């Protein structure tokens, strides 16, 4: 039997925490038919992980505060999480380097300033000419598309338990259905609250509202 991951403590499981142990835990939850993931699981702790773990706690008869979705030692030991997740390498071409190919980050995530309502930048900006191509960073499905006073024309790519927001678009080339990594999904614009053409790229847990942002990995 493979080595089991020791219980890392309840405080280990919080927003933004990334670890192979979390991915291994998710795989065990799926195997126990408790996984609530639409895609994934992945190595970053999300609300979907908490929902899935709560299902496991209920399955083994825990109630109340002991079934709040945060792992405790009793439920962790019973889940028998392996020390490493089973390797699931992404096939070639299933991930791209930038949501705006050929353009890098010009305003980084979490930059502080009075320009943003939360006091910091909730995504990463890619300055690019109007009409420049925006592509799906991973394969997934379009969860939302619409228009917002601040974000202008936007669309949301859902994959691996996260939502990837493409904002200030001039055009959306897809609005529903599945997309493949590298597929064009829109064009750079300056719609909404923007001082010039750029892509605002934001990452949130799937279904998460404004302010639930986590660090983009592109």
N, C-alpha and C. Protein backbone atom coordinates (compact mmCIF):
# COMPACT_ATOMS: atom_id res chain seq x y z
N UNK A 1 0.84 -1.20 0.00
CA UNK A 1 0.00 0.00 0.00
C UNK A 1 0.88 1.24 0.00
N UNK A 2 0.53 2.25 -0.79
CA UNK A 2 1.34 3.46 -0.86
C UNK A 2 1.29 4.21 0.46
N UNK A 3 2.32 5.02 0.71
CA UNK A 3 2.39 5.81 1.93
C UNK A 3 1.25 6.80 1.98
N UNK A 4 0.70 7.00 3.17
CA UNK A 4 -0.41 7.93 3.35
C UNK A 4 0.10 9.29 3.80
N UNK A 5 -0.60 10.33 3.39
CA UNK A 5 -0.24 11.68 3.78
C UNK A 5 -0.68 11.92 5.22
N UNK A 6 0.24 12.37 6.09
CA UNK A 6 -0.17 12.67 7.46
C UNK A 6 -1.12 13.87 7.49
N UNK A 7 -1.97 13.91 8.49
CA UNK A 7 -2.92 15.02 8.61
C UNK A 7 -2.15 16.32 8.82
N UNK A 8 -2.33 17.31 7.91
CA UNK A 8 -1.54 18.54 8.02
C UNK A 8 -2.11 19.58 8.97
N UNK A 9 -3.24 19.28 9.60
CA UNK A 9 -3.87 20.24 10.50
C UNK A 9 -4.98 21.01 9.79
N UNK A 10 -6.01 21.34 10.51
CA UNK A 10 -7.18 21.99 9.91
C UNK A 10 -6.84 23.36 9.34
N UNK A 11 -5.89 24.07 9.96
CA UNK A 11 -5.56 25.42 9.48
C UNK A 11 -4.84 25.40 8.14
N UNK A 12 -4.38 24.23 7.71
CA UNK A 12 -3.72 24.09 6.42
C UNK A 12 -4.68 24.39 5.27
N UNK A 13 -5.96 24.13 5.48
CA UNK A 13 -6.94 24.21 4.41
C UNK A 13 -7.60 25.59 4.40
N UNK A 14 -7.10 26.46 3.54
CA UNK A 14 -7.63 27.81 3.44
C UNK A 14 -7.49 28.32 2.02
N UNK A 15 -8.21 29.37 1.72
CA UNK A 15 -8.20 29.96 0.38
C UNK A 15 -6.78 30.27 -0.08
N UNK A 16 -6.45 29.84 -1.28
CA UNK A 16 -5.14 30.12 -1.85
C UNK A 16 -4.08 29.07 -1.55
N UNK A 17 -4.38 28.13 -0.64
CA UNK A 17 -3.40 27.09 -0.31
C UNK A 17 -3.26 26.13 -1.49
N UNK A 18 -2.03 25.88 -1.89
CA UNK A 18 -1.75 24.95 -2.99
C UNK A 18 -0.83 23.85 -2.49
N UNK A 19 -1.15 22.59 -2.83
CA UNK A 19 -0.32 21.47 -2.41
C UNK A 19 -0.76 20.22 -3.18
N UNK A 20 0.20 19.37 -3.52
CA UNK A 20 -0.17 18.08 -4.14
C UNK A 20 -1.07 17.25 -3.23
N UNK A 21 -0.98 17.48 -1.92
CA UNK A 21 -1.82 16.75 -0.97
C UNK A 21 -3.30 17.07 -1.20
N UNK A 22 -3.60 18.32 -1.57
CA UNK A 22 -4.99 18.71 -1.83
C UNK A 22 -5.51 17.98 -3.06
N UNK A 23 -4.67 17.87 -4.08
CA UNK A 23 -5.08 17.13 -5.29
C UNK A 23 -5.30 15.66 -4.96
N UNK A 24 -4.41 15.08 -4.14
CA UNK A 24 -4.56 13.68 -3.75
C UNK A 24 -5.83 13.47 -2.93
N UNK A 25 -6.12 14.41 -2.05
CA UNK A 25 -7.35 14.36 -1.27
C UNK A 25 -8.57 14.37 -2.20
N UNK A 26 -8.55 15.28 -3.19
CA UNK A 26 -9.66 15.38 -4.13
C UNK A 26 -9.88 14.09 -4.89
N UNK A 27 -8.80 13.45 -5.28
CA UNK A 27 -8.92 12.19 -6.01
C UNK A 27 -9.56 11.11 -5.13
N UNK A 28 -9.21 11.11 -3.85
CA UNK A 28 -9.83 10.14 -2.95
C UNK A 28 -11.32 10.46 -2.75
N UNK A 29 -11.67 11.73 -2.67
CA UNK A 29 -13.07 12.11 -2.52
C UNK A 29 -13.88 11.67 -3.75
N UNK A 30 -13.30 11.82 -4.92
CA UNK A 30 -13.96 11.36 -6.14
C UNK A 30 -14.15 9.84 -6.09
N UNK A 31 -13.11 9.13 -5.65
CA UNK A 31 -13.18 7.67 -5.56
C UNK A 31 -14.26 7.22 -4.58
N UNK A 32 -14.49 8.04 -3.54
CA UNK A 32 -15.53 7.73 -2.54
C UNK A 32 -16.90 8.26 -2.95
N UNK A 33 -16.98 8.76 -4.20
CA UNK A 33 -18.24 9.30 -4.74
C UNK A 33 -18.75 10.49 -3.95
N UNK A 34 -17.82 11.28 -3.44
CA UNK A 34 -18.16 12.50 -2.71
C UNK A 34 -17.72 13.76 -3.45
N UNK A 35 -17.03 13.59 -4.56
CA UNK A 35 -16.52 14.73 -5.30
C UNK A 35 -17.62 15.55 -5.94
N UNK A 36 -17.57 16.85 -5.76
CA UNK A 36 -18.54 17.77 -6.36
C UNK A 36 -17.92 18.53 -7.53
N UNK A 37 -16.76 18.09 -7.96
CA UNK A 37 -16.01 18.79 -9.00
C UNK A 37 -16.66 18.62 -10.37
N UNK A 38 -16.74 19.73 -11.12
CA UNK A 38 -17.14 19.63 -12.52
C UNK A 38 -15.92 19.31 -13.38
N UNK A 39 -14.77 19.85 -12.97
CA UNK A 39 -13.48 19.49 -13.55
C UNK A 39 -12.49 19.40 -12.40
N UNK A 40 -11.40 18.71 -12.62
CA UNK A 40 -10.42 18.59 -11.54
C UNK A 40 -10.54 17.25 -10.85
N UNK A 41 -10.12 17.14 -9.59
CA UNK A 41 -9.68 18.19 -8.67
C UNK A 41 -8.27 18.69 -8.98
N UNK A 42 -7.95 19.82 -8.38
CA UNK A 42 -6.63 20.41 -8.57
C UNK A 42 -5.90 20.59 -7.26
N UNK A 43 -4.71 21.18 -7.31
CA UNK A 43 -3.88 21.31 -6.11
C UNK A 43 -4.20 22.51 -5.23
N UNK A 44 -5.16 23.34 -5.65
CA UNK A 44 -5.47 24.54 -4.86
C UNK A 44 -6.81 24.38 -4.14
N UNK A 45 -6.83 24.69 -2.85
CA UNK A 45 -8.03 24.55 -2.03
C UNK A 45 -9.09 25.55 -2.49
N UNK A 46 -10.30 25.03 -2.75
CA UNK A 46 -11.40 25.86 -3.21
C UNK A 46 -12.67 25.52 -2.44
N UNK A 47 -13.72 26.30 -2.70
CA UNK A 47 -15.02 26.02 -2.09
C UNK A 47 -15.54 24.65 -2.52
N UNK A 48 -15.19 24.22 -3.73
CA UNK A 48 -15.64 22.92 -4.22
C UNK A 48 -14.98 21.80 -3.42
N UNK A 49 -13.70 21.98 -3.06
CA UNK A 49 -13.03 21.00 -2.20
C UNK A 49 -13.76 20.91 -0.85
N UNK A 50 -14.12 22.06 -0.30
CA UNK A 50 -14.81 22.06 1.00
C UNK A 50 -16.16 21.38 0.90
N UNK A 51 -16.89 21.64 -0.19
CA UNK A 51 -18.19 20.98 -0.39
C UNK A 51 -18.01 19.47 -0.52
N UNK A 52 -16.97 19.07 -1.24
CA UNK A 52 -16.72 17.64 -1.44
C UNK A 52 -16.33 16.97 -0.14
N UNK A 53 -15.50 17.66 0.65
CA UNK A 53 -15.07 17.06 1.92
C UNK A 53 -16.24 16.98 2.90
N UNK A 54 -17.13 17.98 2.85
CA UNK A 54 -18.33 17.92 3.71
C UNK A 54 -19.18 16.70 3.36
N UNK A 55 -19.25 16.38 2.07
CA UNK A 55 -20.00 15.19 1.66
C UNK A 55 -19.37 13.93 2.24
N UNK A 56 -18.04 13.89 2.29
CA UNK A 56 -17.34 12.75 2.89
C UNK A 56 -17.62 12.68 4.40
N UNK A 57 -17.58 13.83 5.07
CA UNK A 57 -17.84 13.84 6.51
C UNK A 57 -19.25 13.34 6.81
N UNK A 58 -20.21 13.76 5.99
CA UNK A 58 -21.58 13.27 6.18
C UNK A 58 -21.67 11.78 5.89
N UNK A 59 -20.92 11.32 4.90
CA UNK A 59 -20.96 9.91 4.52
C UNK A 59 -20.51 9.02 5.68
N UNK A 60 -19.53 9.49 6.44
CA UNK A 60 -19.03 8.66 7.54
C UNK A 60 -19.73 8.96 8.87
N UNK A 61 -20.82 9.74 8.79
CA UNK A 61 -21.68 9.93 9.96
C UNK A 61 -21.37 11.12 10.83
N UNK A 62 -20.50 12.02 10.40
CA UNK A 62 -20.21 13.21 11.20
C UNK A 62 -21.30 14.25 11.00
N UNK A 63 -21.48 15.09 12.01
CA UNK A 63 -22.54 16.10 11.96
C UNK A 63 -22.04 17.42 12.55
N UNK A 64 -22.84 18.47 12.31
CA UNK A 64 -22.54 19.77 12.89
C UNK A 64 -21.20 20.32 12.48
N UNK A 65 -20.47 20.85 13.46
CA UNK A 65 -19.16 21.45 13.19
C UNK A 65 -18.16 20.43 12.68
N UNK A 66 -18.41 19.15 12.94
CA UNK A 66 -17.51 18.11 12.46
C UNK A 66 -17.76 17.76 10.99
N UNK A 67 -18.77 18.41 10.40
CA UNK A 67 -19.08 18.15 8.99
C UNK A 67 -19.17 19.46 8.21
N UNK A 68 -18.24 20.37 8.53
CA UNK A 68 -18.26 21.69 7.89
C UNK A 68 -17.38 21.77 6.64
N UNK A 69 -16.82 20.64 6.24
CA UNK A 69 -16.01 20.63 5.03
C UNK A 69 -14.54 20.89 5.25
N UNK A 70 -14.15 21.23 6.47
CA UNK A 70 -12.73 21.41 6.79
C UNK A 70 -12.22 20.10 7.38
N UNK A 71 -11.18 19.53 6.79
CA UNK A 71 -10.71 18.23 7.30
C UNK A 71 -10.30 18.26 8.76
N UNK A 72 -10.68 17.21 9.46
CA UNK A 72 -10.22 16.95 10.82
C UNK A 72 -9.47 15.63 10.82
N UNK A 73 -8.76 15.34 11.88
CA UNK A 73 -7.90 14.15 11.88
C UNK A 73 -8.70 12.86 11.73
N UNK A 74 -9.85 12.75 12.37
CA UNK A 74 -10.63 11.51 12.30
C UNK A 74 -11.06 11.23 10.86
N UNK A 75 -11.66 12.23 10.22
CA UNK A 75 -12.14 12.04 8.85
C UNK A 75 -10.97 11.87 7.88
N UNK A 76 -9.87 12.58 8.14
CA UNK A 76 -8.69 12.48 7.27
C UNK A 76 -8.10 11.08 7.31
N UNK A 77 -7.94 10.54 8.50
CA UNK A 77 -7.37 9.21 8.63
C UNK A 77 -8.25 8.17 7.95
N UNK A 78 -9.55 8.36 8.02
CA UNK A 78 -10.46 7.39 7.38
C UNK A 78 -10.45 7.52 5.86
N UNK A 79 -10.15 8.70 5.36
CA UNK A 79 -10.12 8.91 3.91
C UNK A 79 -8.91 8.24 3.27
N UNK A 80 -7.82 8.10 4.05
CA UNK A 80 -6.60 7.44 3.57
C UNK A 80 -6.05 8.10 2.30
N UNK A 81 -5.68 9.35 2.48
CA UNK A 81 -5.13 10.13 1.37
C UNK A 81 -3.68 9.71 1.10
N UNK A 82 -3.37 9.32 -0.12
CA UNK A 82 -1.98 8.95 -0.42
C UNK A 82 -1.07 10.17 -0.36
N UNK A 83 0.20 9.94 -0.13
CA UNK A 83 1.16 11.03 0.01
C UNK A 83 1.30 11.82 -1.28
N UNK A 84 1.00 11.20 -2.41
CA UNK A 84 1.10 11.88 -3.70
C UNK A 84 -0.14 11.57 -4.52
N UNK A 85 -0.59 12.57 -5.28
CA UNK A 85 -1.69 12.33 -6.21
C UNK A 85 -1.22 11.48 -7.37
N UNK A 86 -2.12 10.70 -7.92
CA UNK A 86 -1.78 9.92 -9.09
C UNK A 86 -1.49 10.87 -10.24
N UNK A 87 -0.40 10.63 -10.90
CA UNK A 87 0.02 11.53 -11.97
C UNK A 87 -1.00 11.52 -13.11
N UNK A 88 -1.42 12.72 -13.51
CA UNK A 88 -2.32 12.88 -14.65
C UNK A 88 -1.75 13.97 -15.55
N UNK A 89 -0.68 13.64 -16.28
CA UNK A 89 -0.05 14.67 -17.10
C UNK A 89 -1.01 15.21 -18.15
N UNK A 90 -0.95 16.52 -18.33
CA UNK A 90 -1.80 17.13 -19.36
C UNK A 90 -1.24 16.81 -20.73
N UNK A 91 -2.09 16.38 -21.65
CA UNK A 91 -1.62 16.13 -23.01
C UNK A 91 -1.05 17.40 -23.61
N UNK A 92 -0.14 17.23 -24.56
CA UNK A 92 0.45 18.38 -25.24
C UNK A 92 -0.65 19.24 -25.85
N UNK A 93 -0.51 20.54 -25.67
CA UNK A 93 -1.48 21.45 -26.27
C UNK A 93 -2.70 21.73 -25.42
N UNK A 94 -2.74 21.21 -24.18
CA UNK A 94 -3.92 21.45 -23.35
C UNK A 94 -3.76 22.67 -22.46
N UNK A 95 -2.65 23.37 -22.57
CA UNK A 95 -2.45 24.57 -21.77
C UNK A 95 -1.56 25.53 -22.54
N UNK A 96 -1.84 26.80 -22.47
CA UNK A 96 -1.05 27.78 -23.19
C UNK A 96 -0.40 28.73 -22.21
N UNK A 97 0.59 29.47 -22.69
CA UNK A 97 1.42 30.29 -21.81
C UNK A 97 0.77 31.61 -21.43
N UNK A 98 -0.13 32.14 -22.24
CA UNK A 98 -0.70 33.46 -21.99
C UNK A 98 -2.12 33.52 -22.54
N UNK A 99 -3.03 34.22 -21.84
CA UNK A 99 -4.38 34.39 -22.38
C UNK A 99 -4.42 35.37 -23.55
N UNK A 100 -3.36 36.14 -23.71
CA UNK A 100 -3.23 37.07 -24.83
C UNK A 100 -1.90 36.76 -25.50
N UNK A 101 -1.86 35.78 -26.39
CA UNK A 101 -0.59 35.31 -26.97
C UNK A 101 0.27 36.45 -27.50
N UNK A 102 1.55 36.41 -27.12
CA UNK A 102 2.50 37.42 -27.55
C UNK A 102 2.56 38.63 -26.67
N UNK A 103 1.74 38.66 -25.62
CA UNK A 103 1.69 39.82 -24.73
C UNK A 103 1.84 39.36 -23.28
N UNK A 104 2.63 40.10 -22.52
CA UNK A 104 2.87 39.75 -21.13
C UNK A 104 2.10 40.65 -20.17
N UNK A 105 2.25 40.37 -18.89
CA UNK A 105 1.54 41.11 -17.84
C UNK A 105 2.10 42.53 -17.74
N UNK A 106 1.20 43.51 -17.76
CA UNK A 106 1.60 44.91 -17.63
C UNK A 106 1.17 45.51 -16.30
N UNK A 107 0.09 45.00 -15.72
CA UNK A 107 -0.30 45.38 -14.36
C UNK A 107 -0.51 44.09 -13.59
N UNK A 108 0.34 43.81 -12.59
CA UNK A 108 0.30 42.51 -11.92
C UNK A 108 -0.86 42.38 -10.94
N UNK A 109 -1.13 41.14 -10.62
CA UNK A 109 -2.12 40.80 -9.60
C UNK A 109 -1.72 41.36 -8.24
N UNK A 110 -2.71 41.88 -7.52
CA UNK A 110 -2.58 42.38 -6.16
C UNK A 110 -1.80 43.69 -6.06
N UNK A 111 -1.55 44.36 -7.19
CA UNK A 111 -0.95 45.68 -7.10
C UNK A 111 -1.91 46.59 -6.35
N UNK A 112 -1.40 47.35 -5.39
CA UNK A 112 -2.26 48.19 -4.57
C UNK A 112 -2.41 49.58 -5.20
N UNK A 113 -3.55 50.19 -4.94
CA UNK A 113 -3.77 51.53 -5.45
C UNK A 113 -5.21 51.96 -5.31
N UNK A 114 -5.46 53.27 -5.41
CA UNK A 114 -6.82 53.81 -5.25
C UNK A 114 -7.70 53.61 -6.48
N UNK A 115 -7.13 53.11 -7.57
CA UNK A 115 -7.91 52.94 -8.80
C UNK A 115 -8.89 51.78 -8.70
N UNK A 116 -8.67 50.87 -7.74
CA UNK A 116 -9.48 49.65 -7.66
C UNK A 116 -10.33 49.66 -6.40
N UNK A 117 -11.57 49.19 -6.54
CA UNK A 117 -12.55 49.31 -5.45
C UNK A 117 -12.15 48.56 -4.19
N UNK A 118 -11.38 47.47 -4.33
CA UNK A 118 -10.93 46.72 -3.16
C UNK A 118 -9.57 47.18 -2.66
N UNK A 119 -9.02 48.19 -3.32
CA UNK A 119 -7.72 48.70 -2.92
C UNK A 119 -6.55 47.95 -3.53
N UNK A 120 -6.86 46.96 -4.35
CA UNK A 120 -5.81 46.20 -5.03
C UNK A 120 -6.37 45.66 -6.35
N UNK A 121 -5.47 45.29 -7.23
CA UNK A 121 -5.85 44.76 -8.55
C UNK A 121 -6.22 43.29 -8.41
N UNK A 122 -7.44 42.93 -8.81
CA UNK A 122 -7.95 41.59 -8.58
C UNK A 122 -7.55 40.59 -9.67
N UNK A 123 -6.86 41.05 -10.69
CA UNK A 123 -6.41 40.14 -11.75
C UNK A 123 -5.06 40.58 -12.28
N UNK A 124 -4.76 40.16 -13.50
CA UNK A 124 -3.53 40.57 -14.18
C UNK A 124 -3.93 41.18 -15.51
N UNK A 125 -3.35 42.32 -15.84
CA UNK A 125 -3.66 43.00 -17.10
C UNK A 125 -2.60 42.70 -18.16
N UNK A 126 -3.08 42.52 -19.39
CA UNK A 126 -2.23 42.30 -20.54
C UNK A 126 -2.54 43.40 -21.55
N UNK A 127 -1.72 44.45 -21.60
CA UNK A 127 -1.93 45.51 -22.57
C UNK A 127 -1.64 44.97 -23.96
N UNK A 128 -2.54 45.24 -24.90
CA UNK A 128 -2.41 44.73 -26.27
C UNK A 128 -3.27 45.60 -27.17
N UNK A 129 -3.00 45.61 -28.46
CA UNK A 129 -3.79 46.42 -29.37
C UNK A 129 -5.24 45.96 -29.44
N UNK A 130 -6.12 46.89 -29.71
CA UNK A 130 -7.54 46.56 -29.91
C UNK A 130 -7.66 45.46 -30.96
N UNK A 131 -8.43 44.44 -30.64
CA UNK A 131 -8.64 43.34 -31.58
C UNK A 131 -7.65 42.20 -31.46
N UNK A 132 -6.63 42.34 -30.58
CA UNK A 132 -5.67 41.26 -30.39
C UNK A 132 -6.39 40.02 -29.86
N UNK A 133 -5.86 38.87 -30.19
CA UNK A 133 -6.51 37.60 -29.89
C UNK A 133 -6.41 37.25 -28.40
N UNK A 134 -7.52 36.77 -27.83
CA UNK A 134 -7.56 36.22 -26.48
C UNK A 134 -7.93 34.74 -26.61
N UNK A 135 -7.23 33.87 -25.89
CA UNK A 135 -7.44 32.44 -26.05
C UNK A 135 -7.70 31.77 -24.71
N UNK A 136 -8.33 30.60 -24.77
CA UNK A 136 -8.55 29.78 -23.58
C UNK A 136 -7.21 29.28 -23.07
N UNK A 137 -6.91 29.52 -21.79
CA UNK A 137 -5.64 29.10 -21.24
C UNK A 137 -5.60 27.60 -20.96
N UNK A 138 -6.77 27.00 -20.76
CA UNK A 138 -6.89 25.55 -20.58
C UNK A 138 -8.20 25.13 -21.25
N UNK A 139 -8.35 23.85 -21.47
CA UNK A 139 -9.61 23.34 -22.01
C UNK A 139 -10.68 23.38 -20.92
N UNK A 140 -11.88 23.78 -21.29
CA UNK A 140 -12.96 23.86 -20.32
C UNK A 140 -14.27 24.22 -21.00
N UNK A 141 -15.13 24.93 -20.30
CA UNK A 141 -16.42 25.33 -20.86
C UNK A 141 -16.71 26.77 -20.48
N UNK A 142 -17.51 27.43 -21.30
CA UNK A 142 -17.89 28.81 -21.02
C UNK A 142 -19.04 28.80 -20.01
N UNK A 143 -18.78 29.37 -18.83
CA UNK A 143 -19.77 29.36 -17.76
C UNK A 143 -20.68 30.58 -17.81
N UNK A 144 -20.14 31.72 -18.27
CA UNK A 144 -20.91 32.95 -18.30
C UNK A 144 -20.36 33.85 -19.39
N UNK A 145 -21.20 34.75 -19.86
CA UNK A 145 -20.75 35.85 -20.71
C UNK A 145 -21.76 36.97 -20.54
N UNK A 146 -21.30 38.20 -20.68
CA UNK A 146 -22.22 39.31 -20.51
C UNK A 146 -21.52 40.64 -20.57
N UNK A 147 -22.15 41.64 -19.98
CA UNK A 147 -21.60 42.99 -19.95
C UNK A 147 -21.73 43.55 -18.55
N UNK A 148 -20.68 44.20 -18.07
CA UNK A 148 -20.63 44.74 -16.73
C UNK A 148 -20.12 46.18 -16.82
N UNK A 149 -20.60 47.06 -15.93
CA UNK A 149 -20.19 48.46 -15.96
C UNK A 149 -18.68 48.58 -15.82
N UNK A 150 -18.08 47.79 -14.93
CA UNK A 150 -16.64 47.85 -14.72
C UNK A 150 -15.86 46.99 -15.69
N UNK A 151 -16.30 45.73 -15.88
CA UNK A 151 -15.55 44.78 -16.69
C UNK A 151 -15.90 44.84 -18.18
N UNK A 152 -16.91 45.62 -18.55
CA UNK A 152 -17.29 45.69 -19.95
C UNK A 152 -17.77 44.35 -20.46
N UNK A 153 -17.49 44.06 -21.73
CA UNK A 153 -17.82 42.75 -22.28
C UNK A 153 -16.89 41.72 -21.65
N UNK A 154 -17.47 40.64 -21.12
CA UNK A 154 -16.65 39.63 -20.46
C UNK A 154 -17.16 38.24 -20.80
N UNK A 155 -16.31 37.27 -20.57
CA UNK A 155 -16.73 35.87 -20.59
C UNK A 155 -15.94 35.13 -19.53
N UNK A 156 -16.50 34.01 -19.08
CA UNK A 156 -15.91 33.24 -17.99
C UNK A 156 -15.67 31.81 -18.45
N UNK A 157 -14.41 31.41 -18.43
CA UNK A 157 -14.01 30.04 -18.75
C UNK A 157 -13.91 29.25 -17.46
N UNK A 158 -14.62 28.13 -17.36
CA UNK A 158 -14.58 27.30 -16.16
C UNK A 158 -13.80 26.03 -16.43
N UNK A 159 -12.81 25.75 -15.59
CA UNK A 159 -11.98 24.55 -15.74
C UNK A 159 -11.26 24.25 -14.44
N UNK A 160 -11.13 22.96 -14.12
CA UNK A 160 -10.34 22.51 -12.97
C UNK A 160 -10.77 23.17 -11.66
N UNK A 161 -12.08 23.44 -11.51
CA UNK A 161 -12.58 24.00 -10.27
C UNK A 161 -12.40 25.50 -10.15
N UNK A 162 -12.05 26.17 -11.24
CA UNK A 162 -11.83 27.61 -11.21
C UNK A 162 -12.57 28.29 -12.35
N UNK A 163 -12.83 29.59 -12.18
CA UNK A 163 -13.35 30.44 -13.24
C UNK A 163 -12.25 31.40 -13.66
N UNK A 164 -12.05 31.51 -14.96
CA UNK A 164 -11.07 32.43 -15.53
C UNK A 164 -11.85 33.52 -16.28
N UNK A 165 -11.74 34.74 -15.79
CA UNK A 165 -12.51 35.86 -16.33
C UNK A 165 -11.68 36.62 -17.37
N UNK A 166 -12.30 36.85 -18.53
CA UNK A 166 -11.71 37.65 -19.61
C UNK A 166 -12.55 38.92 -19.71
N UNK A 167 -11.94 40.07 -19.43
CA UNK A 167 -12.72 41.30 -19.30
C UNK A 167 -12.23 42.42 -20.23
N UNK A 168 -13.10 43.41 -20.44
CA UNK A 168 -12.87 44.57 -21.31
C UNK A 168 -12.78 44.17 -22.79
N UNK A 169 -13.38 43.05 -23.15
CA UNK A 169 -13.28 42.55 -24.52
C UNK A 169 -14.00 43.47 -25.51
N UNK A 170 -13.48 43.54 -26.73
CA UNK A 170 -14.20 44.22 -27.80
C UNK A 170 -15.16 43.27 -28.49
N UNK A 171 -14.77 41.98 -28.53
CA UNK A 171 -15.61 40.96 -29.15
C UNK A 171 -15.48 39.66 -28.37
N UNK A 172 -16.58 38.90 -28.32
CA UNK A 172 -16.55 37.54 -27.79
C UNK A 172 -16.80 36.60 -28.96
N UNK A 173 -15.89 35.69 -29.21
CA UNK A 173 -16.07 34.78 -30.35
C UNK A 173 -16.77 33.49 -29.96
N UNK A 174 -16.88 33.21 -28.66
CA UNK A 174 -17.70 32.12 -28.16
C UNK A 174 -18.45 32.63 -26.93
N UNK A 175 -19.63 32.12 -26.70
CA UNK A 175 -20.40 32.52 -25.51
C UNK A 175 -20.97 31.33 -24.76
N UNK A 176 -20.94 30.14 -25.37
CA UNK A 176 -21.43 28.93 -24.70
C UNK A 176 -20.60 27.74 -25.17
N UNK A 177 -20.77 26.63 -24.47
CA UNK A 177 -20.17 25.38 -24.91
C UNK A 177 -18.73 25.17 -24.45
N UNK A 178 -18.15 24.10 -24.95
CA UNK A 178 -16.79 23.72 -24.59
C UNK A 178 -15.77 24.40 -25.50
N UNK A 179 -14.59 24.65 -24.94
CA UNK A 179 -13.49 25.22 -25.72
C UNK A 179 -12.22 24.44 -25.41
N UNK A 180 -11.30 24.46 -26.32
CA UNK A 180 -10.02 23.80 -26.14
C UNK A 180 -8.94 24.82 -25.84
N UNK A 181 -7.91 24.40 -25.10
CA UNK A 181 -6.79 25.29 -24.81
C UNK A 181 -6.22 25.83 -26.11
N UNK A 182 -6.00 27.14 -26.13
CA UNK A 182 -5.46 27.78 -27.32
C UNK A 182 -6.51 28.28 -28.28
N UNK A 183 -7.77 27.89 -28.08
CA UNK A 183 -8.85 28.34 -28.97
C UNK A 183 -9.16 29.81 -28.71
N UNK A 184 -9.38 30.56 -29.77
CA UNK A 184 -9.74 31.97 -29.63
C UNK A 184 -11.11 32.08 -28.99
N UNK A 185 -11.20 32.94 -27.95
CA UNK A 185 -12.48 33.14 -27.28
C UNK A 185 -12.96 34.59 -27.36
N UNK A 186 -12.06 35.50 -27.73
CA UNK A 186 -12.46 36.90 -27.81
C UNK A 186 -11.33 37.76 -28.32
N UNK A 187 -11.57 39.07 -28.30
CA UNK A 187 -10.57 40.03 -28.76
C UNK A 187 -10.41 41.14 -27.73
N UNK A 188 -9.18 41.61 -27.57
CA UNK A 188 -8.86 42.67 -26.63
C UNK A 188 -9.65 43.94 -26.98
N UNK A 189 -10.13 44.63 -25.95
CA UNK A 189 -10.86 45.87 -26.15
C UNK A 189 -10.62 46.82 -24.99
N UNK A 190 -11.48 47.81 -24.88
CA UNK A 190 -11.40 48.75 -23.76
C UNK A 190 -12.81 49.07 -23.26
N UNK A 191 -13.71 48.06 -23.33
CA UNK A 191 -15.07 48.25 -22.86
C UNK A 191 -15.11 48.29 -21.33
N UNK A 192 -16.13 48.93 -20.80
CA UNK A 192 -16.23 49.04 -19.35
C UNK A 192 -15.31 50.11 -18.82
N UNK A 193 -14.86 49.94 -17.59
CA UNK A 193 -13.98 50.91 -16.94
C UNK A 193 -12.53 50.62 -17.30
N UNK A 194 -12.09 51.15 -18.42
CA UNK A 194 -10.73 50.89 -18.90
C UNK A 194 -10.15 52.17 -19.49
N UNK A 195 -8.86 52.38 -19.26
CA UNK A 195 -8.21 53.58 -19.77
C UNK A 195 -7.57 53.34 -21.13
N UNK A 196 -7.58 52.12 -21.59
CA UNK A 196 -7.01 51.79 -22.88
C UNK A 196 -7.20 50.31 -23.15
N UNK A 197 -6.92 49.85 -24.36
CA UNK A 197 -7.15 48.44 -24.69
C UNK A 197 -6.23 47.50 -23.91
N UNK A 198 -6.83 46.56 -23.26
CA UNK A 198 -6.08 45.53 -22.53
C UNK A 198 -7.03 44.42 -22.13
N UNK A 199 -6.47 43.27 -21.81
CA UNK A 199 -7.23 42.16 -21.25
C UNK A 199 -7.03 42.14 -19.75
N UNK A 200 -8.12 42.21 -19.01
CA UNK A 200 -8.07 41.97 -17.56
C UNK A 200 -8.39 40.50 -17.37
N UNK A 201 -7.44 39.74 -16.86
CA UNK A 201 -7.57 38.29 -16.70
C UNK A 201 -7.60 37.98 -15.22
N UNK A 202 -8.68 37.35 -14.78
CA UNK A 202 -8.88 37.13 -13.35
C UNK A 202 -9.22 35.67 -13.08
N UNK A 203 -8.75 35.16 -11.96
CA UNK A 203 -9.00 33.77 -11.58
C UNK A 203 -9.73 33.74 -10.24
N UNK A 204 -10.83 32.95 -10.20
CA UNK A 204 -11.61 32.79 -8.97
C UNK A 204 -11.99 31.32 -8.81
N UNK A 205 -12.28 30.89 -7.59
CA UNK A 205 -12.89 29.56 -7.44
C UNK A 205 -14.19 29.50 -8.23
N UNK A 206 -14.51 28.36 -8.78
CA UNK A 206 -15.71 28.21 -9.60
C UNK A 206 -16.94 28.74 -8.87
N UNK A 207 -17.64 29.67 -9.49
CA UNK A 207 -18.83 30.26 -8.90
C UNK A 207 -18.55 31.38 -7.93
N UNK A 208 -17.29 31.69 -7.69
CA UNK A 208 -16.92 32.72 -6.72
C UNK A 208 -17.26 34.12 -7.21
N UNK A 209 -17.70 34.98 -6.29
CA UNK A 209 -18.06 36.34 -6.63
C UNK A 209 -16.87 37.28 -6.59
N UNK A 210 -17.12 38.54 -6.89
CA UNK A 210 -16.07 39.55 -6.87
C UNK A 210 -15.43 39.61 -5.48
N UNK A 211 -14.12 39.59 -5.44
CA UNK A 211 -13.39 39.59 -4.18
C UNK A 211 -12.93 38.23 -3.73
N UNK A 212 -13.33 37.17 -4.48
CA UNK A 212 -12.88 35.81 -4.15
C UNK A 212 -11.66 35.41 -4.97
N UNK A 213 -11.05 36.40 -5.63
CA UNK A 213 -9.94 36.16 -6.54
C UNK A 213 -8.77 35.43 -5.89
N UNK A 214 -8.07 34.63 -6.69
CA UNK A 214 -6.83 34.00 -6.28
C UNK A 214 -5.79 34.34 -7.35
N UNK A 215 -4.53 34.06 -7.05
CA UNK A 215 -3.46 34.47 -7.94
C UNK A 215 -3.52 33.72 -9.27
N UNK A 216 -3.59 34.45 -10.38
CA UNK A 216 -3.54 33.76 -11.68
C UNK A 216 -2.19 33.08 -11.86
N UNK A 217 -2.18 31.97 -12.56
CA UNK A 217 -0.92 31.23 -12.71
C UNK A 217 -0.30 31.48 -14.08
N UNK A 218 -0.90 32.44 -14.84
CA UNK A 218 -0.31 32.81 -16.12
C UNK A 218 0.31 34.19 -16.02
